[in-house]
PDB file of N, CA and C in Angstrom:
ATOM      1  N   MET A   1      22.027 -18.337   3.597  1.00  0.00           N
ATOM      2  CA  MET A   1      21.610 -18.610   4.960  1.00  0.00           C
ATOM      3  C   MET A   1      20.621 -19.766   4.951  1.00  0.00           C
ATOM      4  N   LYS A   2      20.853 -20.714   5.825  1.00  0.00           N
ATOM      5  CA  LYS A   2      19.971 -21.870   5.963  1.00  0.00           C
ATOM      6  C   LYS A   2      19.042 -21.619   7.147  1.00  0.00           C
ATOM      7  N   TYR A   3      17.751 -21.665   6.880  1.00  0.00           N
ATOM      8  CA  TYR A   3      16.773 -21.454   7.939  1.00  0.00           C
ATOM      9  C   TYR A   3      16.450 -22.781   8.614  1.00  0.00           C
ATOM     10  N   PRO A   4      16.179 -22.754   9.924  1.00  0.00           N
ATOM     11  CA  PRO A   4      15.760 -23.990  10.589  1.00  0.00           C
ATOM     12  C   PRO A   4      14.436 -24.475   9.999  1.00  0.00           C
ATOM     13  N   THR A   5      14.338 -25.766   9.795  1.00  0.00           N
ATOM     14  CA  THR A   5      13.137 -26.381   9.226  1.00  0.00           C
ATOM     15  C   THR A   5      12.554 -27.351  10.239  1.00  0.00           C
ATOM     16  N   THR A   6      11.231 -27.333  10.375  1.00  0.00           N
ATOM     17  CA  THR A   6      10.572 -28.232  11.324  1.00  0.00           C
ATOM     18  C   THR A   6      10.863 -29.687  10.956  1.00  0.00           C
ATOM     19  N   PRO A   7      10.829 -30.573  11.936  1.00  0.00           N
ATOM     20  CA  PRO A   7      11.159 -31.979  11.671  1.00  0.00           C
ATOM     21  C   PRO A   7      10.299 -32.629  10.588  1.00  0.00           C
ATOM     22  N   ASP A   8       9.059 -32.174  10.429  1.00  0.00           N
ATOM     23  CA  ASP A   8       8.183 -32.758   9.410  1.00  0.00           C
ATOM     24  C   ASP A   8       8.355 -32.102   8.041  1.00  0.00           C
ATOM     25  N   GLY A   9       9.205 -31.076   7.949  1.00  0.00           N
ATOM     26  CA  GLY A   9       9.487 -30.424   6.675  1.00  0.00           C
ATOM     27  C   GLY A   9       8.402 -29.489   6.178  1.00  0.00           C
ATOM     28  N   ARG A  10       7.449 -29.155   7.024  1.00  0.00           N
ATOM     29  CA  ARG A  10       6.346 -28.298   6.582  1.00  0.00           C
ATOM     30  C   ARG A  10       6.669 -26.812   6.640  1.00  0.00           C
ATOM     31  N   TYR A  11       7.515 -26.416   7.575  1.00  0.00           N
ATOM     32  CA  TYR A  11       7.792 -24.996   7.793  1.00  0.00           C
ATOM     33  C   TYR A  11       9.281 -24.749   7.958  1.00  0.00           C
ATOM     34  N   PHE A  12       9.684 -23.530   7.633  1.00  0.00           N
ATOM     35  CA  PHE A  12      10.999 -23.040   8.046  1.00  0.00           C
ATOM     36  C   PHE A  12      10.737 -21.839   8.943  1.00  0.00           C
ATOM     37  N   VAL A  13      11.718 -21.469   9.742  1.00  0.00           N
ATOM     38  CA  VAL A  13      11.570 -20.353  10.671  1.00  0.00           C
ATOM     39  C   VAL A  13      12.452 -19.205  10.203  1.00  0.00           C
ATOM     40  N   ALA A  14      11.830 -18.039  10.044  1.00  0.00           N
ATOM     41  CA  ALA A  14      12.546 -16.808   9.714  1.00  0.00           C
ATOM     42  C   ALA A  14      11.900 -15.677  10.489  1.00  0.00           C
ATOM     43  N   ARG A  15      12.729 -14.853  11.097  1.00  0.00           N
ATOM     44  CA  ARG A  15      12.240 -13.727  11.900  1.00  0.00           C
ATOM     45  C   ARG A  15      11.231 -14.183  12.948  1.00  0.00           C
ATOM     46  N   ASN A  16      11.531 -15.315  13.556  1.00  0.00           N
ATOM     47  CA  ASN A  16      10.719 -15.887  14.631  1.00  0.00           C
ATOM     48  C   ASN A  16       9.274 -16.161  14.211  1.00  0.00           C
ATOM     49  N   ARG A  17       9.087 -16.566  12.964  1.00  0.00           N
ATOM     50  CA  ARG A  17       7.775 -16.958  12.453  1.00  0.00           C
ATOM     51  C   ARG A  17       7.918 -18.229  11.636  1.00  0.00           C
ATOM     52  N   LEU A  18       6.857 -19.027  11.635  1.00  0.00           N
ATOM     53  CA  LEU A  18       6.798 -20.219  10.797  1.00  0.00           C
ATOM     54  C   LEU A  18       6.303 -19.817   9.410  1.00  0.00           C
ATOM     55  N   TRP A  19       7.021 -20.274   8.386  1.00  0.00           N
ATOM     56  CA  TRP A  19       6.634 -20.012   6.999  1.00  0.00           C
ATOM     57  C   TRP A  19       6.563 -21.345   6.279  1.00  0.00           C
ATOM     58  N   ARG A  20       5.480 -21.550   5.546  1.00  0.00           N
ATOM     59  CA  ARG A  20       5.268 -22.834   4.888  1.00  0.00           C
ATOM     60  C   ARG A  20       6.313 -23.086   3.804  1.00  0.00           C
ATOM     61  N   CYS A  21       6.851 -24.282   3.808  1.00  0.00           N
ATOM     62  CA  CYS A  21       7.815 -24.696   2.786  1.00  0.00           C
ATOM     63  C   CYS A  21       7.085 -25.044   1.489  1.00  0.00           C
ATOM     64  N   THR A  22       7.840 -25.060   0.424  1.00  0.00           N
ATOM     65  CA  THR A  22       7.327 -25.489  -0.873  1.00  0.00           C
ATOM     66  C   THR A  22       6.896 -26.952  -0.798  1.00  0.00           C
ATOM     67  N   ASP A  23       5.849 -27.283  -1.501  1.00  0.00           N
ATOM     68  CA  ASP A  23       5.338 -28.658  -1.549  1.00  0.00           C
ATOM     69  C   ASP A  23       6.432 -29.585  -2.083  1.00  0.00           C
ATOM     70  N   PRO A  24       6.892 -30.535  -1.279  1.00  0.00           N
ATOM     71  CA  PRO A  24       7.979 -31.414  -1.722  1.00  0.00           C
ATOM     72  C   PRO A  24       7.566 -32.389  -2.822  1.00  0.00           C
ATOM     73  N   ARG A  25       6.277 -32.495  -3.097  1.00  0.00           N
ATOM     74  CA  ARG A  25       5.821 -33.397  -4.161  1.00  0.00           C
ATOM     75  C   ARG A  25       6.010 -32.802  -5.555  1.00  0.00           C
ATOM     76  N   LEU A  26       6.304 -31.498  -5.633  1.00  0.00           N
ATOM     77  CA  LEU A  26       6.517 -30.870  -6.937  1.00  0.00           C
ATOM     78  C   LEU A  26       7.816 -31.384  -7.542  1.00  0.00           C
ATOM     79  N   ASP A  27       7.766 -31.727  -8.831  1.00  0.00           N
ATOM     80  CA  ASP A  27       9.017 -32.120  -9.484  1.00  0.00           C
ATOM     81  C   ASP A  27       9.860 -30.864  -9.707  1.00  0.00           C
ATOM     82  N   GLU A  28      11.133 -31.053  -9.923  1.00  0.00           N
ATOM     83  CA  GLU A  28      12.080 -29.936  -9.998  1.00  0.00           C
ATOM     84  C   GLU A  28      11.741 -28.948 -11.113  1.00  0.00           C
ATOM     85  N   ASP A  29      11.352 -29.423 -12.275  1.00  0.00           N
ATOM     86  CA  ASP A  29      11.013 -28.512 -13.378  1.00  0.00           C
ATOM     87  C   ASP A  29       9.797 -27.654 -13.041  1.00  0.00           C
ATOM     88  N   THR A  30       8.789 -28.266 -12.429  1.00  0.00           N
ATOM     89  CA  THR A  30       7.588 -27.525 -12.036  1.00  0.00           C
ATOM     90  C   THR A  30       7.938 -26.496 -10.973  1.00  0.00           C
ATOM     91  N   ARG A  31       8.711 -26.910  -9.981  1.00  0.00           N
ATOM     92  CA  ARG A  31       9.119 -25.988  -8.917  1.00  0.00           C
ATOM     93  C   ARG A  31       9.873 -24.797  -9.513  1.00  0.00           C
ATOM     94  N   LYS A  32      10.823 -25.062 -10.380  1.00  0.00           N
ATOM     95  CA  LYS A  32      11.603 -23.979 -10.994  1.00  0.00           C
ATOM     96  C   LYS A  32      10.717 -23.029 -11.793  1.00  0.00           C
ATOM     97  N   ARG A  33       9.752 -23.583 -12.512  1.00  0.00           N
ATOM     98  CA  ARG A  33       8.843 -22.752 -13.308  1.00  0.00           C
ATOM     99  C   ARG A  33       8.050 -21.806 -12.403  1.00  0.00           C
ATOM    100  N   HIS A  34       7.544 -22.335 -11.282  1.00  0.00           N
ATOM    101  CA  HIS A  34       6.764 -21.500 -10.363  1.00  0.00           C
ATOM    102  C   HIS A  34       7.643 -20.480  -9.640  1.00  0.00           C
ATOM    103  N   VAL A  35       8.863 -20.852  -9.304  1.00  0.00           N
ATOM    104  CA  VAL A  35       9.786 -19.901  -8.673  1.00  0.00           C
ATOM    105  C   VAL A  35      10.104 -18.770  -9.648  1.00  0.00           C
ATOM    106  N   LYS A  36      10.310 -19.106 -10.901  1.00  0.00           N
ATOM    107  CA  LYS A  36      10.575 -18.085 -11.925  1.00  0.00           C
ATOM    108  C   LYS A  36       9.388 -17.124 -12.037  1.00  0.00           C
ATOM    109  N   ALA A  37       8.168 -17.674 -12.026  1.00  0.00           N
ATOM    110  CA  ALA A  37       6.963 -16.833 -12.078  1.00  0.00           C
ATOM    111  C   ALA A  37       6.867 -15.950 -10.834  1.00  0.00           C
ATOM    112  N   LEU A  38       7.214 -16.506  -9.684  1.00  0.00           N
ATOM    113  CA  LEU A  38       7.181 -15.739  -8.435  1.00  0.00           C
ATOM    114  C   LEU A  38       8.168 -14.574  -8.490  1.00  0.00           C
ATOM    115  N   MET A  39       9.365 -14.835  -8.948  1.00  0.00           N
ATOM    116  CA  MET A  39      10.373 -13.769  -9.026  1.00  0.00           C
ATOM    117  C   MET A  39       9.942 -12.674 -10.005  1.00  0.00           C
ATOM    118  N   ALA A  40       9.353 -13.064 -11.126  1.00  0.00           N
ATOM    119  CA  ALA A  40       8.855 -12.076 -12.089  1.00  0.00           C
ATOM    120  C   ALA A  40       7.730 -11.249 -11.469  1.00  0.00           C
ATOM    121  N   ALA A  41       6.852 -11.896 -10.724  1.00  0.00           N
ATOM    122  CA  ALA A  41       5.746 -11.186 -10.079  1.00  0.00           C
ATOM    123  C   ALA A  41       6.267 -10.226  -9.015  1.00  0.00           C
ATOM    124  N   ARG A  42       7.275 -10.637  -8.272  1.00  0.00           N
ATOM    125  CA  ARG A  42       7.859  -9.737  -7.264  1.00  0.00           C
ATOM    126  C   ARG A  42       8.524  -8.527  -7.924  1.00  0.00           C
ATOM    127  N   ARG A  43       9.169  -8.748  -9.060  1.00  0.00           N
ATOM    128  CA  ARG A  43       9.743  -7.608  -9.793  1.00  0.00           C
ATOM    129  C   ARG A  43       8.630  -6.674 -10.272  1.00  0.00           C
ATOM    130  N   ALA A  44       7.501  -7.249 -10.689  1.00  0.00           N
ATOM    131  CA  ALA A  44       6.362  -6.436 -11.131  1.00  0.00           C
ATOM    132  C   ALA A  44       5.794  -5.619  -9.971  1.00  0.00           C
ATOM    133  N   VAL A  45       5.759  -6.199  -8.776  1.00  0.00           N
ATOM    134  CA  VAL A  45       5.316  -5.452  -7.586  1.00  0.00           C
ATOM    135  C   VAL A  45       6.248  -4.268  -7.355  1.00  0.00           C
ATOM    136  N   LYS A  46       7.535  -4.526  -7.411  1.00  0.00           N
ATOM    137  CA  LYS A  46       8.525  -3.461  -7.197  1.00  0.00           C
ATOM    138  C   LYS A  46       8.353  -2.344  -8.224  1.00  0.00           C
ATOM    139  N   GLU A  47       8.186  -2.718  -9.477  1.00  0.00           N
ATOM    140  CA  GLU A  47       8.035  -1.725 -10.541  1.00  0.00           C
ATOM    141  C   GLU A  47       6.738  -0.929 -10.372  1.00  0.00           C
ATOM    142  N   ALA A  48       5.653  -1.605 -10.038  1.00  0.00           N
ATOM    143  CA  ALA A  48       4.373  -0.915  -9.847  1.00  0.00           C
ATOM    144  C   ALA A  48       4.456   0.065  -8.685  1.00  0.00           C
ATOM    145  N   ASN A  49       5.148  -0.315  -7.629  1.00  0.00           N
ATOM    146  CA  ASN A  49       5.345   0.600  -6.500  1.00  0.00           C
ATOM    147  C   ASN A  49       6.185   1.805  -6.912  1.00  0.00           C
ATOM    148  N   LYS A  50       7.198   1.549  -7.728  1.00  0.00           N
ATOM    149  CA  LYS A  50       8.104   2.619  -8.146  1.00  0.00           C
ATOM    150  C   LYS A  50       7.369   3.685  -8.959  1.00  0.00           C
ATOM    151  N   VAL A  51       6.435   3.254  -9.818  1.00  0.00           N
ATOM    152  CA  VAL A  51       5.710   4.208 -10.665  1.00  0.00           C
ATOM    153  C   VAL A  51       4.345   4.578 -10.089  1.00  0.00           C
ATOM    154  N   ASP A  52       4.053   4.057  -8.886  1.00  0.00           N
ATOM    155  CA  ASP A  52       2.803   4.381  -8.181  1.00  0.00           C
ATOM    156  C   ASP A  52       1.570   4.044  -9.017  1.00  0.00           C
ATOM    157  N   ASP A  53       1.546   2.821  -9.557  1.00  0.00           N
ATOM    158  CA  ASP A  53       0.442   2.346 -10.398  1.00  0.00           C
ATOM    159  C   ASP A  53      -0.373   1.324  -9.607  1.00  0.00           C
ATOM    160  N   ASP A  54      -1.489   1.769  -9.047  1.00  0.00           N
ATOM    161  CA  ASP A  54      -2.301   0.912  -8.179  1.00  0.00           C
ATOM    162  C   ASP A  54      -2.842  -0.319  -8.892  1.00  0.00           C
ATOM    163  N   GLU A  55      -3.297  -0.160 -10.126  1.00  0.00           N
ATOM    164  CA  GLU A  55      -3.853  -1.305 -10.861  1.00  0.00           C
ATOM    165  C   GLU A  55      -2.774  -2.336 -11.171  1.00  0.00           C
ATOM    166  N   ALA A  56      -1.614  -1.861 -11.593  1.00  0.00           N
ATOM    167  CA  ALA A  56      -0.501  -2.782 -11.865  1.00  0.00           C
ATOM    168  C   ALA A  56      -0.058  -3.471 -10.581  1.00  0.00           C
ATOM    169  N   LEU A  57      -0.092  -2.747  -9.475  1.00  0.00           N
ATOM    170  CA  LEU A  57       0.283  -3.327  -8.187  1.00  0.00           C
ATOM    171  C   LEU A  57      -0.683  -4.439  -7.788  1.00  0.00           C
ATOM    172  N   LYS A  58      -1.972  -4.194  -7.955  1.00  0.00           N
ATOM    173  CA  LYS A  58      -2.966  -5.228  -7.635  1.00  0.00           C
ATOM    174  C   LYS A  58      -2.762  -6.465  -8.503  1.00  0.00           C
ATOM    175  N   ALA A  59      -2.527  -6.251  -9.792  1.00  0.00           N
ATOM    176  CA  ALA A  59      -2.309  -7.380 -10.709  1.00  0.00           C
ATOM    177  C   ALA A  59      -1.046  -8.144 -10.336  1.00  0.00           C
ATOM    178  N   ALA A  60       0.007  -7.435 -10.006  1.00  0.00           N
ATOM    179  CA  ALA A  60       1.267  -8.086  -9.636  1.00  0.00           C
ATOM    180  C   ALA A  60       1.110  -8.875  -8.343  1.00  0.00           C
ATOM    181  N   ARG A  61       0.391  -8.324  -7.392  1.00  0.00           N
ATOM    182  CA  ARG A  61       0.164  -9.048  -6.131  1.00  0.00           C
ATOM    183  C   ARG A  61      -0.668 -10.309  -6.363  1.00  0.00           C
ATOM    184  N   ARG A  62      -1.606 -10.249  -7.293  1.00  0.00           N
ATOM    185  CA  ARG A  62      -2.368 -11.459  -7.643  1.00  0.00           C
ATOM    186  C   ARG A  62      -1.442 -12.512  -8.247  1.00  0.00           C
ATOM    187  N   GLN A  63      -0.480 -12.063  -9.051  1.00  0.00           N
ATOM    188  CA  GLN A  63       0.487 -12.994  -9.638  1.00  0.00           C
ATOM    189  C   GLN A  63       1.372 -13.620  -8.562  1.00  0.00           C
ATOM    190  N   VAL A  64       1.783 -12.827  -7.584  1.00  0.00           N
ATOM    191  CA  VAL A  64       2.567 -13.370  -6.464  1.00  0.00           C
ATOM    192  C   VAL A  64       1.742 -14.422  -5.738  1.00  0.00           C
ATOM    193  N   GLN A  65       0.491 -14.097  -5.438  1.00  0.00           N
ATOM    194  CA  GLN A  65      -0.379 -15.044  -4.732  1.00  0.00           C
ATOM    195  C   GLN A  65      -0.523 -16.340  -5.523  1.00  0.00           C
ATOM    196  N   ALA A  66      -0.750 -16.234  -6.825  1.00  0.00           N
ATOM    197  CA  ALA A  66      -0.920 -17.429  -7.664  1.00  0.00           C
ATOM    198  C   ALA A  66       0.343 -18.286  -7.661  1.00  0.00           C
ATOM    199  N   ALA A  67       1.493 -17.657  -7.752  1.00  0.00           N
ATOM    200  CA  ALA A  67       2.754 -18.413  -7.749  1.00  0.00           C
ATOM    201  C   ALA A  67       2.981 -19.082  -6.401  1.00  0.00           C
ATOM    202  N   LYS A  68       2.707 -18.364  -5.312  1.00  0.00           N
ATOM    203  CA  LYS A  68       2.881 -18.940  -3.975  1.00  0.00           C
ATOM    204  C   LYS A  68       1.925 -20.120  -3.775  1.00  0.00           C
ATOM    205  N   GLU A  69       0.703 -20.000  -4.270  1.00  0.00           N
ATOM    206  CA  GLU A  69      -0.242 -21.114  -4.167  1.00  0.00           C
ATOM    207  C   GLU A  69       0.233 -22.302  -4.993  1.00  0.00           C
ATOM    208  N   ALA A  70       0.752 -22.038  -6.183  1.00  0.00           N
ATOM    209  CA  ALA A  70       1.246 -23.123  -7.037  1.00  0.00           C
ATOM    210  C   ALA A  70       2.414 -23.853  -6.378  1.00  0.00           C
ATOM    211  N   LEU A  71       3.211 -23.123  -5.610  1.00  0.00           N
ATOM    212  CA  LEU A  71       4.335 -23.730  -4.892  1.00  0.00           C
ATOM    213  C   LEU A  71       3.896 -24.441  -3.611  1.00  0.00           C
ATOM    214  N   GLY A  72       2.647 -24.223  -3.199  1.00  0.00           N
ATOM    215  CA  GLY A  72       2.155 -24.828  -1.965  1.00  0.00           C
ATOM    216  C   GLY A  72       2.454 -24.013  -0.726  1.00  0.00           C
ATOM    217  N   GLU A  73       2.968 -22.803  -0.909  1.00  0.00           N
ATOM    218  CA  GLU A  73       3.349 -21.961   0.220  1.00  0.00           C
ATOM    219  C   GLU A  73       2.182 -21.145   0.770  1.00  0.00           C
ATOM    220  N   ARG A  74       1.113 -21.058   0.011  1.00  0.00           N
ATOM    221  CA  ARG A  74      -0.130 -20.407   0.444  1.00  0.00           C
ATOM    222  C   ARG A  74      -1.277 -21.259  -0.072  1.00  0.00           C
ATOM    223  N   GLY A  75      -2.488 -20.889   0.350  1.00  0.00           N
ATOM    224  CA  GLY A  75      -3.653 -21.647  -0.089  1.00  0.00           C
ATOM    225  C   GLY A  75      -3.801 -22.924   0.722  1.00  0.00           C
ATOM    226  N   PRO A  76      -4.505 -23.904   0.169  1.00  0.00           N
ATOM    227  CA  PRO A  76      -4.700 -25.164   0.899  1.00  0.00           C
ATOM    228  C   PRO A  76      -3.355 -25.821   1.217  1.00  0.00           C
ATOM    229  N   VAL A  77      -3.290 -26.423   2.394  1.00  0.00           N
ATOM    230  CA  VAL A  77      -2.042 -27.094   2.783  1.00  0.00           C
ATOM    231  C   VAL A  77      -1.791 -28.293   1.885  1.00  0.00           C
ATOM    232  N   TRP A  78      -0.538 -28.669   1.735  1.00  0.00           N
ATOM    233  CA  TRP A  78      -0.179 -29.781   0.855  1.00  0.00           C
ATOM    234  C   TRP A  78      -0.099 -31.113   1.589  1.00  0.00           C
ATOM    235  N   TRP A  79      -0.254 -31.117   2.889  1.00  0.00           N
ATOM    236  CA  TRP A  79      -0.248 -32.374   3.628  1.00  0.00           C
ATOM    237  C   TRP A  79      -1.681 -32.823   3.856  1.00  0.00           C
ATOM    238  N   SER A  80      -1.842 -34.098   4.186  1.00  0.00           N
ATOM    239  CA  SER A  80      -3.200 -34.661   4.215  1.00  0.00           C
ATOM    240  C   SER A  80      -3.578 -35.286   5.553  1.00  0.00           C
ATOM    241  N   ASP A  81      -2.840 -34.967   6.612  1.00  0.00           N
ATOM    242  CA  ASP A  81      -3.146 -35.590   7.904  1.00  0.00           C
ATOM    243  C   ASP A  81      -4.113 -34.778   8.757  1.00  0.00           C
ATOM    244  N   GLY A  82      -4.631 -33.681   8.207  1.00  0.00           N
ATOM    245  CA  GLY A  82      -5.606 -32.869   8.924  1.00  0.00           C
ATOM    246  C   GLY A  82      -5.001 -31.801   9.816  1.00  0.00           C
ATOM    247  N   ALA A  83      -3.685 -31.728   9.900  1.00  0.00           N
ATOM    248  CA  ALA A  83      -3.044 -30.704  10.727  1.00  0.00           C
ATOM    249  C   ALA A  83      -3.318 -29.323  10.140  1.00  0.00           C
ATOM    250  N   GLU A  84      -3.592 -28.375  11.026  1.00  0.00           N
ATOM    251  CA  GLU A  84      -3.906 -27.022  10.569  1.00  0.00           C
ATOM    252  C   GLU A  84      -2.661 -26.299  10.070  1.00  0.00           C
ATOM    253  N   ASP A  85      -2.897 -25.232   9.337  1.00  0.00           N
ATOM    254  CA  ASP A  85      -1.811 -24.384   8.849  1.00  0.00           C
ATOM    255  C   ASP A  85      -1.382 -23.454   9.980  1.00  0.00           C
ATOM    256  N   GLU A  86      -0.108 -23.480  10.303  1.00  0.00           N
ATOM    257  CA  GLU A  86       0.416 -22.628  11.375  1.00  0.00           C
ATOM    258  C   GLU A  86       1.322 -21.521  10.832  1.00  0.00           C
ATOM    259  N   SER A  87       1.214 -21.235   9.552  1.00  0.00           N
ATOM    260  CA  SER A  87       2.030 -20.176   8.945  1.00  0.00           C
ATOM    261  C   SER A  87       1.838 -18.862   9.685  1.00  0.00           C
ATOM    262  N   GLY A  88       2.937 -18.174   9.906  1.00  0.00           N
ATOM    263  CA  GLY A  88       2.899 -16.870  10.545  1.00  0.00           C
ATOM    264  C   GLY A  88       2.936 -16.902  12.056  1.00  0.00           C
ATOM    265  N   ARG A  89       2.783 -18.068  12.642  1.00  0.00           N
ATOM    266  CA  ARG A  89       2.846 -18.165  14.100  1.00  0.00           C
ATOM    267  C   ARG A  89       4.292 -18.161  14.577  1.00  0.00           C
ATOM    268  N   ALA A  90       4.472 -17.675  15.790  1.00  0.00           N
ATOM    269  CA  ALA A  90       5.780 -17.814  16.427  1.00  0.00           C
ATOM    270  C   ALA A  90       5.947 -19.284  16.785  1.00  0.00           C
ATOM    271  N   PRO A  91       7.099 -19.869  16.526  1.00  0.00           N
ATOM    272  CA  PRO A  91       7.261 -21.303  16.791  1.00  0.00           C
ATOM    273  C   PRO A  91       7.020 -21.678  18.248  1.00  0.00           C
ATOM    274  N   HIS A  92       7.334 -20.770  19.172  1.00  0.00           N
ATOM    275  CA  HIS A  92       7.118 -21.095  20.588  1.00  0.00           C
ATOM    276  C   HIS A  92       5.637 -21.068  20.971  1.00  0.00           C
ATOM    277  N   ASN A  93       4.781 -20.554  20.098  1.00  0.00           N
ATOM    278  CA  ASN A  93       3.329 -20.540  20.324  1.00  0.00           C
ATOM    279  C   ASN A  93       2.616 -21.461  19.345  1.00  0.00           C
ATOM    280  N   SER A  94       3.259 -22.538  18.976  1.00  0.00           N
ATOM    281  CA  SER A  94       2.695 -23.447  17.979  1.00  0.00           C
ATOM    282  C   SER A  94       2.848 -24.884  18.454  1.00  0.00           C
ATOM    283  N   SER A  95       2.396 -25.799  17.631  1.00  0.00           N
ATOM    284  CA  SER A  95       2.575 -27.216  17.958  1.00  0.00           C
ATOM    285  C   SER A  95       4.047 -27.624  17.872  1.00  0.00           C
ATOM    286  N   TYR A  96       4.895 -26.726  17.394  1.00  0.00           N
ATOM    287  CA  TYR A  96       6.337 -26.985  17.288  1.00  0.00           C
ATOM    288  C   TYR A  96       7.117 -26.397  18.461  1.00  0.00           C
ATOM    289  N   ALA A  97       6.441 -25.986  19.525  1.00  0.00           N
ATOM    290  CA  ALA A  97       7.103 -25.313  20.649  1.00  0.00           C
ATOM    291  C   ALA A  97       8.216 -26.161  21.260  1.00  0.00           C
ATOM    292  N   ASP A  98       7.973 -27.447  21.475  1.00  0.00           N
ATOM    293  CA  ASP A  98       9.011 -28.298  22.073  1.00  0.00           C
ATOM    294  C   ASP A  98      10.218 -28.407  21.151  1.00  0.00           C
ATOM    295  N   TRP A  99       9.966 -28.615  19.867  1.00  0.00           N
ATOM    296  CA  TRP A  99      11.067 -28.680  18.903  1.00  0.00           C
ATOM    297  C   TRP A  99      11.849 -27.376  18.908  1.00  0.00           C
ATOM    298  N   TRP A 100      11.144 -26.236  18.913  1.00  0.00           N
ATOM    299  CA  TRP A 100      11.810 -24.943  18.857  1.00  0.00           C
ATOM    300  C   TRP A 100      12.671 -24.716  20.099  1.00  0.00           C
ATOM    301  N   ALA A 101      12.142 -25.072  21.265  1.00  0.00           N
ATOM    302  CA  ALA A 101      12.924 -24.926  22.499  1.00  0.00           C
ATOM    303  C   ALA A 101      14.183 -25.786  22.432  1.00  0.00           C
ATOM    304  N   SER A 102      14.044 -27.003  21.951  1.00  0.00           N
ATOM    305  CA  SER A 102      15.189 -27.901  21.808  1.00  0.00           C
ATOM    306  C   SER A 102      16.183 -27.350  20.789  1.00  0.00           C
ATOM    307  N   HIS A 103      15.671 -26.840  19.687  1.00  0.00           N
ATOM    308  CA  HIS A 103      16.533 -26.261  18.648  1.00  0.00           C
ATOM    309  C   HIS A 103      17.327 -25.088  19.219  1.00  0.00           C
ATOM    310  N   ASN A 104      16.654 -24.211  19.954  1.00  0.00           N
ATOM    311  CA  ASN A 104      17.332 -23.054  20.538  1.00  0.00           C
ATOM    312  C   ASN A 104      18.371 -23.478  21.565  1.00  0.00           C
ATOM    313  N   ALA A 105      18.060 -24.513  22.346  1.00  0.00           N
ATOM    314  CA  ALA A 105      19.023 -25.013  23.331  1.00  0.00           C
ATOM    315  C   ALA A 105      20.269 -25.544  22.628  1.00  0.00           C
ATOM    316  N   GLN A 106      20.074 -26.237  21.519  1.00  0.00           N
ATOM    317  CA  GLN A 106      21.214 -26.752  20.751  1.00  0.00           C
ATOM    318  C   GLN A 106      22.033 -25.610  20.155  1.00  0.00           C
ATOM    319  N   GLU A 107      21.351 -24.577  19.659  1.00  0.00           N
ATOM    320  CA  GLU A 107      22.046 -23.411  19.105  1.00  0.00           C
ATOM    321  C   GLU A 107      22.870 -22.715  20.184  1.00  0.00           C
ATOM    322  N   ASP A 108      22.269 -22.560  21.378  1.00  0.00           N
ATOM    323  CA  ASP A 108      22.978 -21.915  22.487  1.00  0.00           C
ATOM    324  C   ASP A 108      24.211 -22.720  22.883  1.00  0.00           C
ATOM    325  N   LYS A 109      24.058 -24.036  22.929  1.00  0.00           N
ATOM    326  CA  LYS A 109      25.170 -24.910  23.302  1.00  0.00           C
ATOM    327  C   LYS A 109      26.295 -24.819  22.265  1.00  0.00           C
ATOM    328  N   ALA A 110      25.928 -24.774  20.990  1.00  0.00           N
ATOM    329  CA  ALA A 110      26.918 -24.717  19.917  1.00  0.00           C
ATOM    330  C   ALA A 110      27.668 -23.381  19.904  1.00  0.00           C
ATOM    331  N   SER A 111      26.986 -22.308  20.284  1.00  0.00           N
ATOM    332  CA  SER A 111      27.621 -20.988  20.228  1.00  0.00           C
ATOM    333  C   SER A 111      28.313 -20.606  21.532  1.00  0.00           C
ATOM    334  N   GLY A 112      28.108 -21.393  22.571  1.00  0.00           N
ATOM    335  CA  GLY A 112      28.647 -20.974  23.857  1.00  0.00           C
ATOM    336  C   GLY A 112      29.657 -21.857  24.385  1.00  0.00           C
TER     337      GLY A 112
END
């Protein structure tokens, strides 16, 4: 599934929320390494939940956070124009509201 991406490439939209995209300045090998770490950390979260191990869960969540920050998806924003982070906002309640309305109009036209 391809998620709609804002025109500036900073966010994609899933479940009617803006989610920060991976930093496009990362080279492919670095990106792959961090994605691999993220997937391993998510598996560790799942395993810790399965065995009800609170300490392992906390450690795994820290690993997820570190991987997401390394990818640029959390932590300081990767752009430098001073625009605030709008992660988690509904696109219609963000600076992307006009784009989102236009995107939805195009989707409606294509499906109808």
